[in-house]
Protein backbone atom coordinates (compact mmCIF):
# COMPACT_ATOMS: atom_id res chain seq x y z
CA MET A 1 0.06 0.14 -0.05
CA LYS A 2 2.93 2.32 0.82
CA SER A 3 4.47 1.88 -2.51
CA LEU A 4 1.11 2.49 -4.31
CA LYS A 5 0.84 5.83 -2.52
CA LEU A 6 4.42 6.58 -3.38
CA LEU A 7 3.78 5.74 -6.86
CA PHE A 8 0.61 7.97 -6.95
CA PHE A 9 2.49 11.05 -5.59
CA LEU A 10 5.20 10.62 -8.03
CA PHE A 11 2.76 10.45 -10.88
CA LEU A 12 1.16 13.65 -9.53
CA ALA A 13 4.71 15.25 -9.19
CA VAL A 14 5.50 14.36 -12.75
CA LEU A 15 2.17 15.92 -14.15
CA PHE A 16 2.69 18.89 -12.13
CA PHE A 17 6.14 19.57 -13.44
CA ASN A 18 5.42 18.68 -16.93
CA PHE A 19 2.36 20.93 -17.17
CA THR A 20 3.20 23.89 -15.04
CA PRO A 21 4.02 26.80 -17.46
CA LYS A 22 7.68 27.92 -17.37
CA GLN A 23 8.10 31.48 -15.83
CA ASP A 24 9.46 33.88 -18.71
CA ASN A 25 12.21 35.69 -16.75
CA LYS A 26 13.52 37.34 -20.02
CA PRO A 27 13.55 41.00 -19.96
CA THR A 28 11.25 42.77 -22.55
CA LEU A 29 12.28 45.51 -24.94
CA PHE A 30 9.38 47.71 -25.27
CA MET A 31 9.26 50.38 -28.15
CA ILE A 32 7.06 53.30 -28.07
CA GLY A 33 6.97 55.98 -30.77
CA ASP A 34 5.40 57.30 -33.94
CA SER A 35 5.46 55.82 -37.61
CA THR A 36 9.18 55.84 -37.78
CA VAL A 37 9.08 53.12 -35.13
CA LYS A 38 5.88 51.28 -36.47
CA ASN A 39 4.08 52.53 -39.52
CA GLY A 40 0.36 51.58 -39.61
CA LYS A 41 -0.27 48.42 -38.29
CA GLY A 42 3.39 47.35 -38.95
CA ASN A 43 2.38 45.13 -41.81
CA GLY A 44 4.28 47.14 -44.66
CA ALA A 45 1.08 48.29 -46.09
CA GLY A 46 1.98 50.62 -49.10
CA GLY A 47 5.63 49.50 -48.62
CA LEU A 48 6.19 51.47 -45.38
CA TRP A 49 7.72 49.99 -42.28
CA GLY A 50 9.21 51.36 -39.17
CA TRP A 51 12.61 50.40 -37.60
CA GLY A 52 10.85 48.77 -34.78
CA ASP A 53 9.58 46.01 -37.06
CA PHE A 54 13.30 45.04 -37.82
CA ILE A 55 15.07 45.47 -34.76
CA GLY A 56 13.97 41.94 -33.41
CA GLN A 57 16.21 40.35 -36.25
CA PHE A 58 19.35 41.90 -34.52
CA LEU A 59 18.74 40.60 -30.98
CA ASP A 60 18.66 37.29 -29.43
CA THR A 61 15.09 36.62 -28.70
CA THR A 62 15.97 33.54 -26.74
CA LYS A 63 17.30 36.12 -24.28
CA ILE A 64 15.13 39.15 -24.55
CA ASN A 65 11.37 39.62 -25.66
CA VAL A 66 10.61 42.49 -28.13
CA GLU A 67 7.25 44.32 -28.04
CA ASN A 68 6.58 47.19 -30.40
CA HIS A 69 3.79 49.28 -29.08
CA ALA A 70 4.36 52.45 -31.33
CA LEU A 71 1.64 54.08 -33.24
CA GLY A 72 1.98 56.04 -36.33
CA GLY A 73 0.63 59.75 -36.20
CA THR A 74 1.20 60.05 -32.39
CA SER A 75 3.19 62.50 -30.68
CA SER A 76 4.65 62.06 -27.09
CA ARG A 77 1.51 63.67 -26.06
CA THR A 78 -1.17 62.00 -27.83
CA PHE A 79 0.41 58.53 -27.12
CA GLN A 80 0.02 59.33 -23.55
CA ASP A 81 -3.42 60.93 -24.05
CA LYS A 82 -4.82 57.68 -25.84
CA GLY A 83 -3.66 55.57 -22.98
CA LEU A 84 -1.09 53.82 -24.95
CA TRP A 85 1.73 54.63 -22.44
CA ASN A 86 -0.29 53.09 -19.61
CA THR A 87 -0.57 49.81 -21.42
CA VAL A 88 3.31 49.67 -21.49
CA LEU A 89 3.82 51.09 -17.97
CA ASN A 90 1.51 48.31 -16.51
CA LYS A 91 3.45 45.55 -18.22
CA LEU A 92 7.03 46.99 -17.20
CA LYS A 93 8.87 44.69 -14.81
CA LYS A 94 12.38 45.01 -13.09
CA GLY A 95 15.19 44.55 -15.94
CA ASP A 96 12.89 45.62 -18.90
CA TYR A 97 13.91 48.34 -21.43
CA VAL A 98 11.93 51.00 -23.10
CA LEU A 99 13.06 52.66 -26.36
CA ILE A 100 11.36 56.03 -26.80
CA GLN A 101 11.32 57.74 -30.16
CA PHE A 102 9.13 60.73 -30.79
CA GLY A 103 9.94 64.03 -32.47
CA HIS A 104 8.47 64.98 -35.90
CA ASN A 105 4.73 64.96 -34.56
CA ASP A 106 5.63 66.82 -31.32
CA ASP A 107 6.37 69.82 -33.44
CA GLY A 108 2.83 70.36 -34.55
CA ALA A 109 0.22 72.94 -33.15
CA ILE A 110 -0.62 72.60 -29.43
CA ASN A 111 -4.40 73.44 -29.88
CA ASP A 112 -5.99 73.30 -33.28
CA SER A 113 -9.05 71.41 -34.69
CA LEU A 114 -7.01 69.26 -37.05
CA ARG A 115 -4.60 67.21 -34.83
CA ALA A 116 -3.74 69.05 -31.66
CA ARG A 117 -0.71 66.80 -30.87
CA GLY A 118 2.15 69.25 -30.38
CA THR A 119 4.16 69.58 -27.27
CA ILE A 120 6.10 72.60 -25.69
CA LYS A 121 9.75 72.85 -26.88
CA GLY A 122 12.39 72.36 -24.45
CA ILE A 123 13.45 69.58 -21.91
CA GLY A 124 12.03 71.20 -18.81
CA ASN A 125 8.96 70.91 -16.80
CA GLU A 126 7.14 73.78 -18.55
CA THR A 127 3.32 73.33 -18.94
CA GLN A 128 0.50 75.18 -20.60
CA GLU A 129 -3.26 74.61 -19.85
CA ILE A 130 -5.51 74.60 -22.77
CA ASP A 131 -9.09 73.81 -23.73
CA ASN A 132 -8.49 71.39 -26.58
CA ILE A 133 -10.58 72.46 -29.45
CA LEU A 134 -10.36 68.93 -31.01
CA THR A 135 -11.19 66.89 -28.08
CA LYS A 136 -13.11 69.36 -26.22
CA LYS A 137 -11.27 68.51 -22.95
CA HIS A 138 -9.18 70.70 -20.58
CA GLU A 139 -5.73 69.48 -20.83
CA ILE A 140 -2.26 70.39 -19.29
CA VAL A 141 0.31 70.38 -22.22
CA HIS A 142 3.95 69.44 -21.21
CA SER A 143 7.38 69.52 -22.81
CA SER A 144 8.01 66.45 -24.85
CA ALA A 145 10.77 65.52 -22.31
CA GLY A 146 8.46 65.94 -19.28
CA ILE A 147 5.69 63.79 -20.52
CA PHE A 148 7.17 60.46 -19.37
CA ARG A 149 8.63 61.52 -15.95
CA LYS A 150 7.04 60.13 -12.97
């Protein structure tokens, strides 16, 4: 009877260890940015690609995960306003990396009826309060460097 119990527990242990998903302890490289990082859906429509679509070819993906969260047409401001930064921020764990590349969309108008995606020039903590004509929301616009500070 003892040997039957022992065999039963050994069988359970083998099942447990064989079917328990392995923890993925690899760090993740998150990329956020505009169309220069990922154009459209990242499928090359119209022959357009971003550099983030190819960076995984130059990395050892057995040692690092690669996630491209960039969205064409966004600025550092609209990327955050759309909640896209929170998606990445909620996934971040110790040892992960974030590559941030914004710029050409940040140079637009701060408040207009077309895109309203610009940021304040500079690297400081400057802000400007606006009533966004496009979104009809009150908003505090930051410098592009100050947007991702916590």
